[in-house]
Amino acid sequence: MPDMPAEITARALLDAGAFLIRPEQPFRLTSGLLAPFYVNCRQILFHPEPRGRIADAQAVAIHKALPGDAVEIIAGGVTAGVPFATMVADRLTLPLVYVRPEPKEHGTGAQIEGGDVSGKRVLLVEDLITTAGSILKFVGALRAAGALVDHVSVVFTRAGDSARTALTEAGLRLHALCELDTLLEVALKAGIIDQAKLADVRAFLADPESWSKRRGMM
């Protein structure tokens, strides 16, 4: 039986060293909370073979979920989403644009670069999703330019209920290659994490604030 896209992606993330777990030296998140693990999808870009596996899996998943002319243009958000969007666009032989968080302050003042998206069905491709804030900003810019955006594709998701609700309310459907549960399962089987570290991750996910405070969060 062929491997599922989620397992292919999980193994590629592990092979690229993109999954970092360090309960004894936690990572500080943008929220200020401390976390025992961090998923750094940018690390994938340095490793050609895992990078190719992920790009292939994402392109296949998009083609299966959105066949025919459901997608006319691939868009990537600056900066993390642009490499993944580029690889997917190449594999699907589709036009590519990239979207800045804000319009640039010089030259044309454009927020979207690459071509005209007005009236076109655009798929936003990103590396990962947590809060959905940046994704909603990119989609807002695309829609303001006249694009038809109903779908978002990501390599990895840690989106909670609030993020998923925000996407639904914005009329967006999320397509994710891999979720945290699959990544943890594959990492455990591969011996990259042990039961103690898995327990730390589960404890953090159950109550991030309490876990952070126990680790000395200021």
Protein backbone atom coordinates (compact mmCIF):
# COMPACT_ATOMS: atom_id res chain seq x y z
CA MET A 1 0.00 0.00 0.00
CA PRO A 2 1.54 3.37 -1.01
CA ASP A 3 2.43 5.85 1.68
CA MET A 4 -0.11 8.56 2.37
CA PRO A 5 0.83 12.21 1.71
CA ALA A 6 0.76 12.98 5.43
CA GLU A 7 3.32 10.26 6.21
CA ILE A 8 5.51 11.23 3.23
CA THR A 9 5.47 14.82 4.45
CA ALA A 10 6.16 13.87 8.07
CA ARG A 11 9.20 11.80 7.09
CA ALA A 12 10.46 14.58 4.82
CA LEU A 13 10.10 17.12 7.65
CA LEU A 14 12.08 14.82 9.93
CA ASP A 15 14.74 14.09 7.31
CA ALA A 16 15.23 17.82 6.77
CA GLY A 17 15.55 18.47 10.50
CA ALA A 18 12.50 20.71 10.40
CA PHE A 19 10.95 19.24 13.54
CA LEU A 20 12.79 20.49 16.60
CA ILE A 21 11.88 19.20 20.06
CA ARG A 22 13.64 20.61 23.10
CA PRO A 23 11.59 20.53 26.33
CA GLU A 24 14.67 21.34 28.42
CA GLN A 25 15.34 24.52 26.37
CA PRO A 26 11.90 25.58 25.14
CA PHE A 27 11.26 27.76 22.13
CA ARG A 28 9.67 31.16 22.65
CA LEU A 29 6.72 31.67 20.31
CA THR A 30 5.51 34.99 18.90
CA SER A 31 2.72 34.86 21.49
CA GLY A 32 5.36 34.94 24.22
CA LEU A 33 4.58 31.40 25.32
CA LEU A 34 7.28 28.78 25.67
CA ALA A 35 6.88 25.54 23.71
CA PRO A 36 8.75 22.22 23.82
CA PHE A 37 8.82 21.92 20.03
CA TYR A 38 9.06 24.00 16.88
CA VAL A 39 8.35 23.18 13.24
CA ASN A 40 10.66 25.14 10.95
CA CYS A 41 9.50 24.53 7.39
CA ARG A 42 12.21 26.87 6.08
CA GLN A 43 14.71 24.15 6.98
CA ILE A 44 13.20 22.02 4.20
CA LEU A 45 14.56 24.37 1.54
CA PHE A 46 18.16 23.44 2.34
CA HIS A 47 17.60 19.73 1.66
CA PRO A 48 16.87 18.90 -2.02
CA GLU A 49 15.55 15.36 -1.62
CA PRO A 50 13.03 15.98 1.22
CA ARG A 51 12.15 19.28 -0.45
CA GLY A 52 11.29 17.46 -3.67
CA ARG A 53 9.20 14.85 -1.87
CA ILE A 54 7.12 17.55 -0.20
CA ALA A 55 6.67 19.54 -3.40
CA ASP A 56 5.59 16.41 -5.28
CA ALA A 57 3.13 15.44 -2.54
CA GLN A 58 1.65 18.93 -2.36
CA ALA A 59 1.22 19.17 -6.13
CA VAL A 60 -0.46 15.75 -6.29
CA ALA A 61 -2.75 16.58 -3.38
CA ILE A 62 -3.80 19.86 -4.99
CA HIS A 63 -4.45 18.19 -8.32
CA LYS A 64 -6.64 15.54 -6.66
CA ALA A 65 -8.56 18.01 -4.51
CA LEU A 66 -8.97 20.68 -7.18
CA PRO A 67 -8.98 19.03 -10.59
CA GLY A 68 -9.46 20.67 -13.97
CA ASP A 69 -9.58 24.45 -14.11
CA ALA A 70 -10.38 24.91 -10.39
CA VAL A 71 -7.00 26.64 -10.06
CA GLU A 72 -5.64 29.09 -12.64
CA ILE A 73 -2.88 30.77 -10.64
CA ILE A 74 -0.71 29.75 -7.68
CA ALA A 75 0.09 32.45 -5.11
CA GLY A 76 2.71 32.42 -2.38
CA GLY A 77 2.91 34.69 0.63
CA VAL A 78 6.15 36.56 1.30
CA THR A 79 8.41 35.16 2.41
CA ALA A 80 7.94 31.63 3.67
CA GLY A 81 5.23 30.61 1.22
CA VAL A 82 7.00 31.73 -1.96
CA PRO A 83 9.43 28.77 -2.36
CA PHE A 84 6.67 26.21 -1.82
CA ALA A 85 4.30 28.05 -4.15
CA THR A 86 7.04 28.18 -6.79
CA MET A 87 7.69 24.44 -6.60
CA VAL A 88 3.98 23.64 -6.81
CA ALA A 89 3.42 26.04 -9.72
CA ASP A 90 6.29 24.40 -11.61
CA ARG A 91 4.86 20.93 -11.11
CA LEU A 92 1.34 21.98 -12.11
CA THR A 93 2.63 24.24 -14.92
CA LEU A 94 0.58 27.16 -13.65
CA PRO A 95 1.31 30.90 -13.45
CA LEU A 96 2.80 32.15 -10.18
CA VAL A 97 2.38 35.36 -8.21
CA TYR A 98 3.59 36.37 -4.80
CA VAL A 99 1.87 38.53 -2.22
CA ARG A 100 3.47 40.93 0.25
CA PRO A 101 1.96 41.55 3.68
CA GLU A 102 1.73 45.23 2.70
CA PRO A 103 2.15 47.18 -0.56
CA LYS A 104 5.77 48.14 -1.16
CA GLU A 105 6.64 51.77 -0.53
CA HIS A 106 8.56 52.41 -3.75
CA GLY A 107 8.35 51.67 -7.47
CA THR A 108 4.88 50.57 -8.49
CA GLY A 109 3.67 50.25 -4.90
CA ALA A 110 2.37 46.79 -5.72
CA GLN A 111 1.38 44.24 -3.12
CA ILE A 112 0.99 41.41 -5.64
CA GLU A 113 3.81 40.69 -8.07
CA GLY A 114 3.94 38.48 -11.14
CA GLY A 115 0.75 39.20 -13.06
CA ASP A 116 -2.90 40.17 -13.05
CA VAL A 117 -5.09 38.01 -10.79
CA SER A 118 -8.39 39.81 -11.43
CA GLY A 119 -11.19 37.37 -12.21
CA LYS A 120 -8.85 34.37 -11.85
CA ARG A 121 -9.21 31.37 -9.53
CA VAL A 122 -6.16 31.61 -7.27
CA LEU A 123 -4.82 29.05 -4.80
CA LEU A 124 -2.71 30.39 -1.94
CA VAL A 125 0.15 28.04 -1.03
CA GLU A 126 1.89 28.46 2.34
CA ASP A 127 4.40 26.53 4.40
CA LEU A 128 2.28 26.23 7.56
CA ILE A 129 -0.67 27.60 9.49
CA THR A 130 -1.07 28.27 13.19
CA THR A 131 -3.32 31.29 13.86
CA ALA A 132 -4.32 31.94 10.20
CA GLY A 133 -3.53 35.64 10.59
CA SER A 134 -1.01 35.94 7.76
CA ILE A 135 -3.08 33.72 5.48
CA LEU A 136 -6.14 35.90 5.92
CA LYS A 137 -4.03 38.99 5.17
CA PHE A 138 -2.69 37.47 1.94
CA VAL A 139 -6.14 36.30 0.87
CA GLY A 140 -7.54 39.74 1.60
CA ALA A 141 -4.97 41.32 -0.69
CA LEU A 142 -5.69 38.83 -3.48
CA ARG A 143 -9.44 39.36 -3.20
CA ALA A 144 -9.00 43.13 -3.16
CA ALA A 145 -7.20 42.71 -6.50
CA GLY A 146 -10.19 40.82 -7.90
CA ALA A 147 -8.95 37.26 -7.44
CA LEU A 148 -11.32 34.41 -6.63
CA VAL A 149 -9.78 32.66 -3.63
CA ASP A 150 -11.62 29.78 -1.97
CA HIS A 151 -8.78 27.40 -1.09
CA VAL A 152 -5.48 27.42 0.80
CA SER A 153 -2.84 24.67 0.66
CA VAL A 154 -0.20 24.27 3.39
CA VAL A 155 2.58 21.79 4.06
CA PHE A 156 1.92 21.61 7.79
CA THR A 157 -0.93 22.67 10.08
CA ARG A 158 -1.15 23.40 13.75
CA ALA A 159 -4.36 25.37 13.29
CA GLY A 160 -6.58 25.34 16.34
CA ASP A 161 -10.33 25.75 16.49
CA SER A 162 -10.16 29.55 16.35
CA ALA A 163 -7.98 29.51 13.23
CA ARG A 164 -10.22 26.98 11.49
CA THR A 165 -13.28 29.03 12.39
CA ALA A 166 -11.63 32.15 10.98
CA LEU A 167 -10.92 30.35 7.70
CA THR A 168 -14.48 29.06 7.48
CA GLU A 169 -15.91 32.51 8.15
CA ALA A 170 -13.68 33.87 5.39
CA GLY A 171 -15.06 31.29 2.97
CA LEU A 172 -11.79 29.35 2.75
CA ARG A 173 -11.18 25.62 2.64
CA LEU A 174 -7.88 24.40 4.09
CA HIS A 175 -5.88 21.63 2.41
CA ALA A 176 -3.00 20.47 4.64
CA LEU A 177 -0.48 17.75 3.85
CA CYS A 178 0.42 16.93 7.45
CA GLU A 179 -0.88 17.60 10.97
CA LEU A 180 0.98 17.46 14.26
CA ASP A 181 -0.49 14.11 15.34
CA THR A 182 0.93 12.39 12.24
CA LEU A 183 4.31 14.09 12.67
CA LEU A 184 4.51 12.96 16.30
CA GLU A 185 3.49 9.41 15.42
CA VAL A 186 6.13 9.11 12.68
CA ALA A 187 8.79 10.74 14.89
CA LEU A 188 8.04 8.28 17.69
CA LYS A 189 8.24 5.26 15.37
CA ALA A 190 11.55 6.56 13.97
CA GLY A 191 13.01 6.96 17.45
CA ILE A 192 13.46 10.71 17.00
CA ILE A 193 11.37 11.35 20.10
CA ASP A 194 10.66 9.15 23.09
CA GLN A 195 7.60 8.77 25.29
CA ALA A 196 8.87 11.37 27.76
CA LYS A 197 9.23 14.05 25.09
CA LEU A 198 5.89 13.05 23.60
CA ALA A 199 4.31 13.52 27.02
CA ASP A 200 5.83 17.01 27.23
CA VAL A 201 4.33 17.92 23.87
CA ARG A 202 0.93 16.56 24.88
CA ALA A 203 1.07 18.49 28.15
CA PHE A 204 1.88 21.70 26.30
CA LEU A 205 -0.93 21.19 23.80
CA ALA A 206 -3.41 20.51 26.59
CA ASP A 207 -2.55 23.73 28.45
CA PRO A 208 0.12 25.93 26.80
CA GLU A 209 -0.01 28.67 29.43
CA SER A 210 0.45 26.34 32.39
CA TRP A 211 3.26 24.46 30.63
CA SER A 212 5.00 27.76 29.86
CA LYS A 213 4.68 29.01 33.43
CA ARG A 214 6.19 25.80 34.77
CA ARG A 215 9.19 26.46 32.50
CA GLY A 216 9.68 29.96 33.92
CA MET A 217 7.86 32.10 31.36
CA MET A 218 8.20 35.77 32.24
